[in-house]
Amino acid sequence: EPSAVDAAASTKRATPQHPSHDLPDEPLVII
């Protein structure tokens, strides 16, 4: 049981967490 917990924690650390890239309400640059 401890080994399984460690493997799950290691997998969680190895997988990067991608934050959500929501578009802003207004454009950043207006030409």
Full PDB file with SEQRES, HELIX, SHEET, SSBOND, CRYST1, ORIGX, SCALE, CONECT and MASTER records, all heavy atoms in Angstrom:
SEQRES   1 A   31  GLU PRO SER ALA VAL ASP ALA ALA ALA SER THR LYS ARG          
SEQRES   2 A   31  ALA THR PRO GLN HIS PRO SER HIS ASP LEU PRO ASP GLU          
SEQRES   3 A   31  PRO LEU VAL ILE ILE                                          
HELIX    1 AA1 PRO A    2  ALA A   14  1                                  13    
CRYST1    1.000    1.000    1.000  90.00  90.00  90.00 P 1           1          
ORIGX1      1.000000  0.000000  0.000000        0.00000                         
ORIGX2      0.000000  1.000000  0.000000        0.00000                         
ORIGX3      0.000000  0.000000  1.000000        0.00000                         
SCALE1      1.000000  0.000000  0.000000        0.00000                         
SCALE2      0.000000  1.000000  0.000000        0.00000                         
SCALE3      0.000000  0.000000  1.000000        0.00000                         
ATOM      1  N   GLU A   1       0.805  -1.221   0.000  1.00  0.00           N  
ATOM      2  CA  GLU A   1       0.000   0.000   0.000  1.00  0.00           C  
ATOM      3  C   GLU A   1       0.838   1.272   0.000  1.00  0.00           C  
ATOM      4  O   GLU A   1       0.577   2.193  -0.781  1.00  0.00           O  
ATOM      5  CB  GLU A   1      -0.952  -0.017   1.197  1.00  0.00           C  
ATOM      6  CG  GLU A   1      -1.912   1.170   1.210  1.00  0.00           C  
ATOM      7  CD  GLU A   1      -2.905   1.070   2.356  1.00  0.00           C  
ATOM      8  OE1 GLU A   1      -2.873   0.050   3.084  1.00  0.00           O  
ATOM      9  OE2 GLU A   1      -3.701   2.007   2.497  1.00  0.00           O  
ATOM     10  N   PRO A   2       1.899   1.396   0.777  1.00  0.00           N  
ATOM     11  CA  PRO A   2       2.708   2.623   0.712  1.00  0.00           C  
ATOM     12  C   PRO A   2       3.349   2.827  -0.655  1.00  0.00           C  
ATOM     13  O   PRO A   2       3.475   3.940  -1.150  1.00  0.00           O  
ATOM     14  CB  PRO A   2       3.742   2.416   1.802  1.00  0.00           C  
ATOM     15  CG  PRO A   2       3.131   1.442   2.732  1.00  0.00           C  
ATOM     16  CD  PRO A   2       2.352   0.513   1.856  1.00  0.00           C  
ATOM     17  N   SER A   3       3.762   1.705  -1.297  1.00  0.00           N  
ATOM     18  CA  SER A   3       4.398   1.834  -2.613  1.00  0.00           C  
ATOM     19  C   SER A   3       3.416   2.380  -3.651  1.00  0.00           C  
ATOM     20  O   SER A   3       3.759   3.192  -4.507  1.00  0.00           O  
ATOM     21  CB  SER A   3       4.918   0.477  -3.069  1.00  0.00           C  
ATOM     22  OG  SER A   3       5.873   0.002  -2.144  1.00  0.00           O  
ATOM     23  N   ALA A   4       2.203   1.910  -3.588  1.00  0.00           N  
ATOM     24  CA  ALA A   4       1.181   2.403  -4.514  1.00  0.00           C  
ATOM     25  C   ALA A   4       0.917   3.886  -4.303  1.00  0.00           C  
ATOM     26  O   ALA A   4       0.742   4.655  -5.251  1.00  0.00           O  
ATOM     27  CB  ALA A   4      -0.103   1.592  -4.345  1.00  0.00           C  
ATOM     28  N   VAL A   5       0.898   4.293  -3.043  1.00  0.00           N  
ATOM     29  CA  VAL A   5       0.680   5.710  -2.750  1.00  0.00           C  
ATOM     30  C   VAL A   5       1.821   6.562  -3.267  1.00  0.00           C  
ATOM     31  O   VAL A   5       1.640   7.625  -3.856  1.00  0.00           O  
ATOM     32  CB  VAL A   5       0.486   5.902  -1.237  1.00  0.00           C  
ATOM     33  CG1 VAL A   5       0.424   7.393  -0.898  1.00  0.00           C  
ATOM     34  CG2 VAL A   5      -0.775   5.195  -0.766  1.00  0.00           C  
ATOM     35  N   ASP A   6       3.075   6.044  -3.086  1.00  0.00           N  
ATOM     36  CA  ASP A   6       4.245   6.785  -3.566  1.00  0.00           C  
ATOM     37  C   ASP A   6       4.247   6.894  -5.087  1.00  0.00           C  
ATOM     38  O   ASP A   6       4.599   7.934  -5.646  1.00  0.00           O  
ATOM     39  CB  ASP A   6       5.541   6.106  -3.100  1.00  0.00           C  
ATOM     40  CG  ASP A   6       5.699   6.173  -1.578  1.00  0.00           C  
ATOM     41  OD1 ASP A   6       5.026   7.051  -0.974  1.00  0.00           O  
ATOM     42  OD2 ASP A   6       6.473   5.370  -1.023  1.00  0.00           O  
ATOM     43  N   ALA A   7       3.859   5.778  -5.754  1.00  0.00           N  
ATOM     44  CA  ALA A   7       3.825   5.803  -7.225  1.00  0.00           C  
ATOM     45  C   ALA A   7       2.784   6.792  -7.729  1.00  0.00           C  
ATOM     46  O   ALA A   7       3.011   7.515  -8.699  1.00  0.00           O  
ATOM     47  CB  ALA A   7       3.530   4.395  -7.751  1.00  0.00           C  
ATOM     48  N   ALA A   8       1.633   6.836  -7.064  1.00  0.00           N  
ATOM     49  CA  ALA A   8       0.593   7.781  -7.457  1.00  0.00           C  
ATOM     50  C   ALA A   8       1.045   9.222  -7.254  1.00  0.00           C  
ATOM     51  O   ALA A   8       0.799  10.111  -8.091  1.00  0.00           O  
ATOM     52  CB  ALA A   8      -0.687   7.501  -6.684  1.00  0.00           C  
ATOM     53  N   ALA A   9       1.754   9.455  -6.138  1.00  0.00           N  
ATOM     54  CA  ALA A   9       2.259  10.809  -5.867  1.00  0.00           C  
ATOM     55  C   ALA A   9       3.324  11.209  -6.864  1.00  0.00           C  
ATOM     56  O   ALA A   9       3.388  12.348  -7.329  1.00  0.00           O  
ATOM     57  CB  ALA A   9       2.807  10.878  -4.435  1.00  0.00           C  
ATOM     58  N   SER A  10       4.183  10.203  -7.225  1.00  0.00           N  
ATOM     59  CA  SER A  10       5.234  10.494  -8.206  1.00  0.00           C  
ATOM     60  C   SER A  10       4.647  10.807  -9.571  1.00  0.00           C  
ATOM     61  O   SER A  10       5.107  11.719 -10.264  1.00  0.00           O  
ATOM     62  CB  SER A  10       6.180   9.288  -8.300  1.00  0.00           C  
ATOM     63  OG  SER A  10       7.147   9.510  -9.293  1.00  0.00           O  
ATOM     64  N   THR A  11       3.622  10.020  -9.939  1.00  0.00           N  
ATOM     65  CA  THR A  11       2.964  10.281 -11.222  1.00  0.00           C  
ATOM     66  C   THR A  11       2.302  11.650 -11.227  1.00  0.00           C  
ATOM     67  O   THR A  11       2.337  12.376 -12.223  1.00  0.00           O  
ATOM     68  CB  THR A  11       1.925   9.194 -11.497  1.00  0.00           C  
ATOM     69  OG1 THR A  11       2.562   7.924 -11.452  1.00  0.00           O  
ATOM     70  CG2 THR A  11       1.265   9.405 -12.849  1.00  0.00           C  
ATOM     71  N   LYS A  12       1.742  12.022 -10.135  1.00  0.00           N  
ATOM     72  CA  LYS A  12       1.091  13.329 -10.028  1.00  0.00           C  
ATOM     73  C   LYS A  12       2.086  14.461 -10.155  1.00  0.00           C  
ATOM     74  O   LYS A  12       1.836  15.477 -10.793  1.00  0.00           O  
ATOM     75  CB  LYS A  12       0.341  13.410  -8.692  1.00  0.00           C  
ATOM     76  CG  LYS A  12      -0.460  14.708  -8.533  1.00  0.00           C  
ATOM     77  CD  LYS A  12      -1.239  14.693  -7.242  1.00  0.00           C  
ATOM     78  CE  LYS A  12      -2.054  15.974  -7.105  1.00  0.00           C  
ATOM     79  NZ  LYS A  12      -2.819  15.997  -5.845  1.00  0.00           N  
ATOM     80  N   ARG A  13       3.326  14.222  -9.534  1.00  0.00           N  
ATOM     81  CA  ARG A  13       4.345  15.267  -9.650  1.00  0.00           C  
ATOM     82  C   ARG A  13       4.905  15.339 -11.059  1.00  0.00           C  
ATOM     83  O   ARG A  13       5.250  16.401 -11.562  1.00  0.00           O  
ATOM     84  CB  ARG A  13       5.474  14.992  -8.657  1.00  0.00           C  
ATOM     85  CG  ARG A  13       5.088  15.263  -7.210  1.00  0.00           C  
ATOM     86  CD  ARG A  13       6.322  15.291  -6.335  1.00  0.00           C  
ATOM     87  NE  ARG A  13       7.061  14.028  -6.402  1.00  0.00           N  
ATOM     88  CZ  ARG A  13       6.841  13.001  -5.567  1.00  0.00           C  
ATOM     89  NH1 ARG A  13       5.903  13.098  -4.621  1.00  0.00           N  
ATOM     90  NH2 ARG A  13       7.527  11.888  -5.687  1.00  0.00           N  
ATOM     91  N   ALA A  14       4.981  14.214 -11.764  1.00  0.00           N  
ATOM     92  CA  ALA A  14       5.559  14.188 -13.107  1.00  0.00           C  
ATOM     93  C   ALA A  14       4.631  14.783 -14.150  1.00  0.00           C  
ATOM     94  O   ALA A  14       5.064  15.252 -15.181  1.00  0.00           O  
ATOM     95  CB  ALA A  14       5.918  12.749 -13.499  1.00  0.00           C  
ATOM     96  N   THR A  15       3.344  14.739 -13.885  1.00  0.00           N  
ATOM     97  CA  THR A  15       2.383  15.271 -14.851  1.00  0.00           C  
ATOM     98  C   THR A  15       2.183  16.758 -14.608  1.00  0.00           C  
ATOM     99  O   THR A  15       1.727  17.162 -13.544  1.00  0.00           O  
ATOM    100  CB  THR A  15       1.038  14.541 -14.724  1.00  0.00           C  
ATOM    101  OG1 THR A  15       1.255  13.144 -14.884  1.00  0.00           O  
ATOM    102  CG2 THR A  15       0.050  15.050 -15.770  1.00  0.00           C  
ATOM    103  N   PRO A  16       2.585  17.618 -15.565  1.00  0.00           N  
ATOM    104  CA  PRO A  16       2.420  19.071 -15.353  1.00  0.00           C  
ATOM    105  C   PRO A  16       0.956  19.456 -15.369  1.00  0.00           C  
ATOM    106  O   PRO A  16       0.158  18.918 -16.112  1.00  0.00           O  
ATOM    107  CB  PRO A  16       3.176  19.683 -16.542  1.00  0.00           C  
ATOM    108  CG  PRO A  16       3.124  18.625 -17.593  1.00  0.00           C  
ATOM    109  CD  PRO A  16       3.150  17.302 -16.860  1.00  0.00           C  
ATOM    110  N   GLN A  17       0.657  20.367 -14.553  1.00  0.00           N  
ATOM    111  CA  GLN A  17      -0.701  20.882 -14.483  1.00  0.00           C  
ATOM    112  C   GLN A  17      -0.823  22.095 -15.415  1.00  0.00           C  
ATOM    113  O   GLN A  17      -0.138  23.093 -15.235  1.00  0.00           O  
ATOM    114  CB  GLN A  17      -1.048  21.289 -13.032  1.00  0.00           C  
ATOM    115  CG  GLN A  17      -0.990  20.129 -12.061  1.00  0.00           C  
ATOM    116  CD  GLN A  17      -2.042  19.085 -12.377  1.00  0.00           C  
ATOM    117  OE1 GLN A  17      -3.165  19.434 -12.725  1.00  0.00           O  
ATOM    118  NE2 GLN A  17      -1.681  17.820 -12.258  1.00  0.00           N  
ATOM    119  N   HIS A  18      -1.659  21.993 -16.465  1.00  0.00           N  
ATOM    120  CA  HIS A  18      -1.832  23.067 -17.431  1.00  0.00           C  
ATOM    121  C   HIS A  18      -2.967  23.978 -16.982  1.00  0.00           C  
ATOM    122  O   HIS A  18      -4.109  23.519 -16.884  1.00  0.00           O  
ATOM    123  CB  HIS A  18      -2.159  22.497 -18.817  1.00  0.00           C  
ATOM    124  CG  HIS A  18      -1.041  21.661 -19.365  1.00  0.00           C  
ATOM    125  ND1 HIS A  18       0.106  22.202 -19.879  1.00  0.00           N  
ATOM    126  CD2 HIS A  18      -0.907  20.309 -19.459  1.00  0.00           C  
ATOM    127  CE1 HIS A  18       0.903  21.241 -20.286  1.00  0.00           C  
ATOM    128  NE2 HIS A  18       0.311  20.082 -20.031  1.00  0.00           N  
ATOM    129  N   PRO A  19      -2.646  25.199 -16.715  1.00  0.00           N  
ATOM    130  CA  PRO A  19      -3.746  26.108 -16.352  1.00  0.00           C  
ATOM    131  C   PRO A  19      -4.620  26.395 -17.565  1.00  0.00           C  
ATOM    132  O   PRO A  19      -4.188  26.313 -18.707  1.00  0.00           O  
ATOM    133  CB  PRO A  19      -3.008  27.381 -15.893  1.00  0.00           C  
ATOM    134  CG  PRO A  19      -1.699  27.333 -16.609  1.00  0.00           C  
ATOM    135  CD  PRO A  19      -1.340  25.869 -16.718  1.00  0.00           C  
ATOM    136  N   SER A  20      -5.844  26.714 -17.349  1.00  0.00           N  
ATOM    137  CA  SER A  20      -6.780  27.003 -18.436  1.00  0.00           C  
ATOM    138  C   SER A  20      -6.437  28.357 -19.062  1.00  0.00           C  
ATOM    139  O   SER A  20      -6.180  29.331 -18.361  1.00  0.00           O  
ATOM    140  CB  SER A  20      -8.217  27.033 -17.898  1.00  0.00           C  
ATOM    141  OG  SER A  20      -8.336  28.029 -16.897  1.00  0.00           O  
ATOM    142  N   HIS A  21      -6.387  28.387 -20.405  1.00  0.00           N  
ATOM    143  CA  HIS A  21      -6.063  29.620 -21.137  1.00  0.00           C  
ATOM    144  C   HIS A  21      -7.359  30.193 -21.708  1.00  0.00           C  
ATOM    145  O   HIS A  21      -7.648  30.040 -22.890  1.00  0.00           O  
ATOM    146  CB  HIS A  21      -5.054  29.333 -22.244  1.00  0.00           C  
ATOM    147  CG  HIS A  21      -3.719  28.872 -21.734  1.00  0.00           C  
ATOM    148  ND1 HIS A  21      -2.798  29.723 -21.186  1.00  0.00           N  
ATOM    149  CD2 HIS A  21      -3.169  27.634 -21.681  1.00  0.00           C  
ATOM    150  CE1 HIS A  21      -1.715  29.051 -20.828  1.00  0.00           C  
ATOM    151  NE2 HIS A  21      -1.922  27.774 -21.115  1.00  0.00           N  
ATOM    152  N   ASP A  22      -8.097  30.840 -20.921  1.00  0.00           N  
ATOM    153  CA  ASP A  22      -9.325  31.470 -21.377  1.00  0.00           C  
ATOM    154  C   ASP A  22      -8.994  32.801 -22.048  1.00  0.00           C  
ATOM    155  O   ASP A  22      -8.128  33.562 -21.591  1.00  0.00           O  
ATOM    156  CB  ASP A  22     -10.279  31.699 -20.204  1.00  0.00           C  
ATOM    157  CG  ASP A  22     -10.727  30.382 -19.577  1.00  0.00           C  
ATOM    158  OD1 ASP A  22     -10.759  29.385 -20.322  1.00  0.00           O  
ATOM    159  OD2 ASP A  22     -11.025  30.371 -18.376  1.00  0.00           O  
ATOM    160  N   LEU A  23      -9.677  33.092 -23.149  1.00  0.00           N  
ATOM    161  CA  LEU A  23      -9.464  34.348 -23.841  1.00  0.00           C  
ATOM    162  C   LEU A  23      -9.979  35.503 -23.008  1.00  0.00           C  
ATOM    163  O   LEU A  23     -11.022  35.392 -22.353  1.00  0.00           O  
ATOM    164  CB  LEU A  23     -10.170  34.333 -25.202  1.00  0.00           C  
ATOM    165  CG  LEU A  23      -9.611  33.338 -26.224  1.00  0.00           C  
ATOM    166  CD1 LEU A  23     -10.487  33.373 -27.480  1.00  0.00           C  
ATOM    167  CD2 LEU A  23      -8.181  33.669 -26.560  1.00  0.00           C  
ATOM    168  N   PRO A  24      -9.256  36.619 -23.013  1.00  0.00           N  
ATOM    169  CA  PRO A  24      -9.750  37.773 -22.236  1.00  0.00           C  
ATOM    170  C   PRO A  24     -10.996  38.354 -22.873  1.00  0.00           C  
ATOM    171  O   PRO A  24     -11.292  38.129 -24.042  1.00  0.00           O  
ATOM    172  CB  PRO A  24      -8.564  38.758 -22.307  1.00  0.00           C  
ATOM    173  CG  PRO A  24      -7.826  38.380 -23.548  1.00  0.00           C  
ATOM    174  CD  PRO A  24      -7.987  36.882 -23.666  1.00  0.00           C  
ATOM    175  N   ASP A  25     -11.706  39.090 -22.062  1.00  0.00           N  
ATOM    176  CA  ASP A  25     -12.933  39.707 -22.556  1.00  0.00           C  
ATOM    177  C   ASP A  25     -12.653  40.772 -23.607  1.00  0.00           C  
ATOM    178  O   ASP A  25     -13.453  41.003 -24.505  1.00  0.00           O  
ATOM    179  CB  ASP A  25     -13.717  40.336 -21.391  1.00  0.00           C  
ATOM    180  CG  ASP A  25     -14.184  39.270 -20.396  1.00  0.00           C  
ATOM    181  OD1 ASP A  25     -14.361  38.112 -20.831  1.00  0.00           O  
ATOM    182  OD2 ASP A  25     -14.351  39.606 -19.219  1.00  0.00           O  
ATOM    183  N   GLU A  26     -11.503  41.450 -23.518  1.00  0.00           N  
ATOM    184  CA  GLU A  26     -11.129  42.482 -24.474  1.00  0.00           C  
ATOM    185  C   GLU A  26      -9.796  42.129 -25.114  1.00  0.00           C  
ATOM    186  O   GLU A  26      -8.957  41.491 -24.479  1.00  0.00           O  
ATOM    187  CB  GLU A  26     -11.035  43.856 -23.779  1.00  0.00           C  
ATOM    188  CG  GLU A  26     -12.351  44.332 -23.184  1.00  0.00           C  
ATOM    189  CD  GLU A  26     -12.215  45.700 -22.553  1.00  0.00           C  
ATOM    190  OE1 GLU A  26     -11.068  46.211 -22.539  1.00  0.00           O  
ATOM    191  OE2 GLU A  26     -13.222  46.241 -22.089  1.00  0.00           O  
ATOM    192  N   PRO A  27      -9.563  42.534 -26.379  1.00  0.00           N  
ATOM    193  CA  PRO A  27      -8.287  42.229 -27.035  1.00  0.00           C  
ATOM    194  C   PRO A  27      -7.121  42.929 -26.345  1.00  0.00           C  
ATOM    195  O   PRO A  27      -7.258  44.048 -25.827  1.00  0.00           O  
ATOM    196  CB  PRO A  27      -8.489  42.749 -28.459  1.00  0.00           C  
ATOM    197  CG  PRO A  27      -9.593  43.751 -28.352  1.00  0.00           C  
ATOM    198  CD  PRO A  27     -10.485  43.251 -27.249  1.00  0.00           C  
ATOM    199  N   LEU A  28      -5.973  42.232 -26.303  1.00  0.00           N  
ATOM    200  CA  LEU A  28      -4.791  42.806 -25.676  1.00  0.00           C  
ATOM    201  C   LEU A  28      -4.171  43.899 -26.534  1.00  0.00           C  
ATOM    202  O   LEU A  28      -3.627  44.873 -26.026  1.00  0.00           O  
ATOM    203  CB  LEU A  28      -3.756  41.708 -25.410  1.00  0.00           C  
ATOM    204  CG  LEU A  28      -4.219  40.579 -24.479  1.00  0.00           C  
ATOM    205  CD1 LEU A  28      -3.124  39.534 -24.342  1.00  0.00           C  
ATOM    206  CD2 LEU A  28      -4.606  41.120 -23.114  1.00  0.00           C  
ATOM    207  N   VAL A  29      -4.209  43.724 -27.860  1.00  0.00           N  
ATOM    208  CA  VAL A  29      -3.628  44.692 -28.791  1.00  0.00           C  
ATOM    209  C   VAL A  29      -4.654  45.020 -29.854  1.00  0.00           C  
ATOM    210  O   VAL A  29      -5.278  44.119 -30.422  1.00  0.00           O  
ATOM    211  CB  VAL A  29      -2.346  44.145 -29.453  1.00  0.00           C  
ATOM    212  CG1 VAL A  29      -1.797  45.165 -30.450  1.00  0.00           C  
ATOM    213  CG2 VAL A  29      -1.299  43.813 -28.403  1.00  0.00           C  
ATOM    214  N   ILE A  30      -4.847  46.277 -30.118  1.00  0.00           N  
ATOM    215  CA  ILE A  30      -5.768  46.733 -31.147  1.00  0.00           C  
ATOM    216  C   ILE A  30      -4.959  47.480 -32.199  1.00  0.00           C  
ATOM    217  O   ILE A  30      -4.267  48.452 -31.883  1.00  0.00           O  
ATOM    218  CB  ILE A  30      -6.853  47.658 -30.577  1.00  0.00           C  
ATOM    219  CG1 ILE A  30      -7.666  46.924 -29.496  1.00  0.00           C  
ATOM    220  CG2 ILE A  30      -7.775  48.159 -31.687  1.00  0.00           C  
ATOM    221  CD1 ILE A  30      -8.698  47.788 -28.835  1.00  0.00           C  
ATOM    222  N   ILE A  31      -5.017  47.010 -33.449  1.00  0.00           N  
ATOM    223  CA  ILE A  31      -4.337  47.674 -34.551  1.00  0.00           C  
ATOM    224  C   ILE A  31      -5.324  48.621 -35.210  1.00  0.00           C  
ATOM    225  O   ILE A  31      -6.323  48.191 -35.774  1.00  0.00           O  
ATOM    226  CB  ILE A  31      -3.813  46.654 -35.578  1.00  0.00           C  
ATOM    227  CG1 ILE A  31      -2.847  45.680 -34.902  1.00  0.00           C  
ATOM    228  CG2 ILE A  31      -3.136  47.360 -36.740  1.00  0.00           C  
ATOM    229  CD1 ILE A  31      -2.358  44.581 -35.821  1.00  0.00           C  
TER     230      ILE A  31                                                      
MASTER        0    0    0    1    0    0    0    6  229    1    0    3          
END                                                                             
